C-alpha cells in the first residue's frame, strides 16, 4: 500500500504517521521514518521519542554522521528488534542495516522551492 499525506506545516502529518507506526508496532513489526536531511531526522526523532515513550515503544536514530559506537549500537538494536521505530536519513537503506521485522516505512519528502 502506498499513501500520500499532504498538508500545511502544523496540520498533523507527523501525528498521522506516528499513529500508523504505533499500529504496526503493536502488531509485532518495526517502523521506519526516513527524512531527507539530518536536521529533519533529528527533529522527527525528538518529537517521536516523546510520543513513543508514552506508549511504551523503543525508538532509535540512524544518520550518516553518527560515531561508529553509536551507529553500532543503533544497528544492533534494529537487527535484534529492540527498536520498534527507527528514524533516520538515507543511512536507513545502507547494506549494513538489517531490520528484524520491518512492516512500515514512512518517507518524509521535503520539497525546496
Protein backbone atom coordinates (compact mmCIF):
# COMPACT_ATOMS: atom_id res chain seq x y z
CA UNK A 1 0.00 0.00 0.00
CA UNK A 2 1.26 3.48 -0.80
CA UNK A 3 -0.34 6.64 0.54
CA UNK A 4 0.47 10.33 0.23
CA UNK A 5 -0.32 12.60 3.17
CA UNK A 6 -0.23 16.24 2.19
CA UNK A 7 -0.83 19.31 4.30
CA UNK A 8 0.43 22.61 5.64
CA UNK A 9 3.00 22.87 8.39
CA UNK A 10 1.33 22.02 11.69
CA UNK A 11 -1.62 20.23 10.09
CA UNK A 12 -0.87 16.87 11.76
CA UNK A 13 1.03 14.87 9.12
CA UNK A 14 3.58 13.64 11.67
CA UNK A 15 0.81 12.62 14.05
CA UNK A 16 -0.86 10.60 11.27
CA UNK A 17 2.47 8.91 10.51
CA UNK A 18 3.04 8.15 14.20
CA UNK A 19 -0.44 6.69 14.53
CA UNK A 20 0.26 4.29 11.65
CA UNK A 21 3.67 3.39 13.10
CA UNK A 22 2.20 2.65 16.53
CA UNK A 23 -0.41 0.35 14.97
CA UNK A 24 2.28 -1.51 13.04
CA UNK A 25 4.45 -1.86 16.16
CA UNK A 26 1.51 -3.09 18.22
CA UNK A 27 1.18 -5.89 15.67
CA UNK A 28 4.77 -7.04 16.10
CA UNK A 29 6.54 -5.18 13.31
CA UNK A 30 9.07 -2.37 13.15
CA UNK A 31 8.50 1.01 11.51
CA UNK A 32 11.00 3.36 9.91
CA UNK A 33 10.76 7.06 9.11
CA UNK A 34 13.25 8.38 6.57
CA UNK A 35 13.86 12.12 6.37
CA UNK A 36 15.77 13.90 3.59
CA UNK A 37 18.17 15.77 5.90
CA UNK A 38 19.91 15.02 9.16
CA UNK A 39 18.42 18.11 10.79
CA UNK A 40 14.90 16.99 9.94
CA UNK A 41 15.66 13.42 11.06
CA UNK A 42 16.82 14.73 14.44
CA UNK A 43 13.69 16.90 14.75
CA UNK A 44 11.46 13.92 13.98
CA UNK A 45 13.42 11.79 16.44
CA UNK A 46 12.94 14.36 19.21
CA UNK A 47 9.20 14.62 18.56
CA UNK A 48 8.56 10.91 18.10
CA UNK A 49 10.70 9.95 21.11
CA UNK A 50 8.32 11.74 23.44
CA UNK A 51 5.29 10.11 21.85
CA UNK A 52 6.89 6.65 21.68
CA UNK A 53 7.83 6.76 25.34
CA UNK A 54 4.23 7.42 26.37
CA UNK A 55 3.03 4.27 24.56
CA UNK A 56 5.97 2.08 25.60
CA UNK A 57 7.79 1.86 22.28
CA UNK A 58 11.54 1.97 21.75
CA UNK A 59 12.97 4.37 19.15
CA UNK A 60 16.39 4.69 17.53
CA UNK A 61 18.10 7.31 15.39
CA UNK A 62 20.37 6.38 12.47
CA UNK A 63 22.23 9.03 10.48
CA UNK A 64 25.43 9.16 8.47
CA UNK A 65 27.34 11.39 10.86
CA UNK A 66 26.93 9.17 13.93
CA UNK A 67 30.06 7.91 15.64
CA UNK A 68 30.97 4.28 14.97
CA UNK A 69 29.99 3.33 18.54
CA UNK A 70 26.55 4.96 18.37
CA UNK A 71 25.97 3.54 14.88
CA UNK A 72 26.92 0.02 16.02
CA UNK A 73 24.55 0.29 18.99
CA UNK A 74 21.71 1.50 16.74
CA UNK A 75 22.34 -1.23 14.16
CA UNK A 76 22.30 -3.88 16.88
CA UNK A 77 19.01 -2.55 18.32
CA UNK A 78 17.47 -2.51 14.83
CA UNK A 79 18.63 -6.01 13.90
CA UNK A 80 17.66 -7.57 17.24
CA UNK A 81 14.20 -5.97 17.20
CA UNK A 82 14.80 -3.94 20.37
CA UNK A 83 13.99 -0.83 18.32
CA UNK A 84 10.33 -0.54 17.40
CA UNK A 85 10.65 2.73 15.46
CA UNK A 86 13.75 3.80 13.57
CA UNK A 87 14.18 7.40 12.42
CA UNK A 88 16.96 8.34 10.06
CA UNK A 89 18.25 9.65 6.79
CA UNK A 90 19.26 7.64 3.75
CA UNK A 91 21.52 5.81 6.20
CA UNK A 92 18.49 3.55 6.73
CA UNK A 93 18.92 1.98 3.29
CA UNK A 94 22.62 1.10 3.50
CA UNK A 95 23.71 -2.51 3.03
CA UNK A 96 24.73 -3.00 6.67
CA UNK A 97 21.27 -2.11 8.01
CA UNK A 98 19.27 -5.25 8.79
CA UNK A 99 15.78 -4.86 10.20
CA UNK A 100 14.34 -7.55 12.43
CA UNK A 101 10.77 -7.35 11.11
CA UNK A 102 10.09 -4.18 9.11
CA UNK A 103 6.41 -3.57 8.44
CA UNK A 104 6.09 0.12 7.53
CA UNK A 105 8.31 2.78 6.00
CA UNK A 106 7.31 6.45 6.11
CA UNK A 107 9.24 8.76 3.81
CA UNK A 108 9.19 12.45 4.61
CA UNK A 109 9.89 14.18 1.32
CA UNK A 110 10.78 17.80 1.80
CA UNK A 111 10.44 19.99 -1.27
CA UNK A 112 12.53 23.17 -1.55
CA UNK A 113 11.39 25.95 -3.79
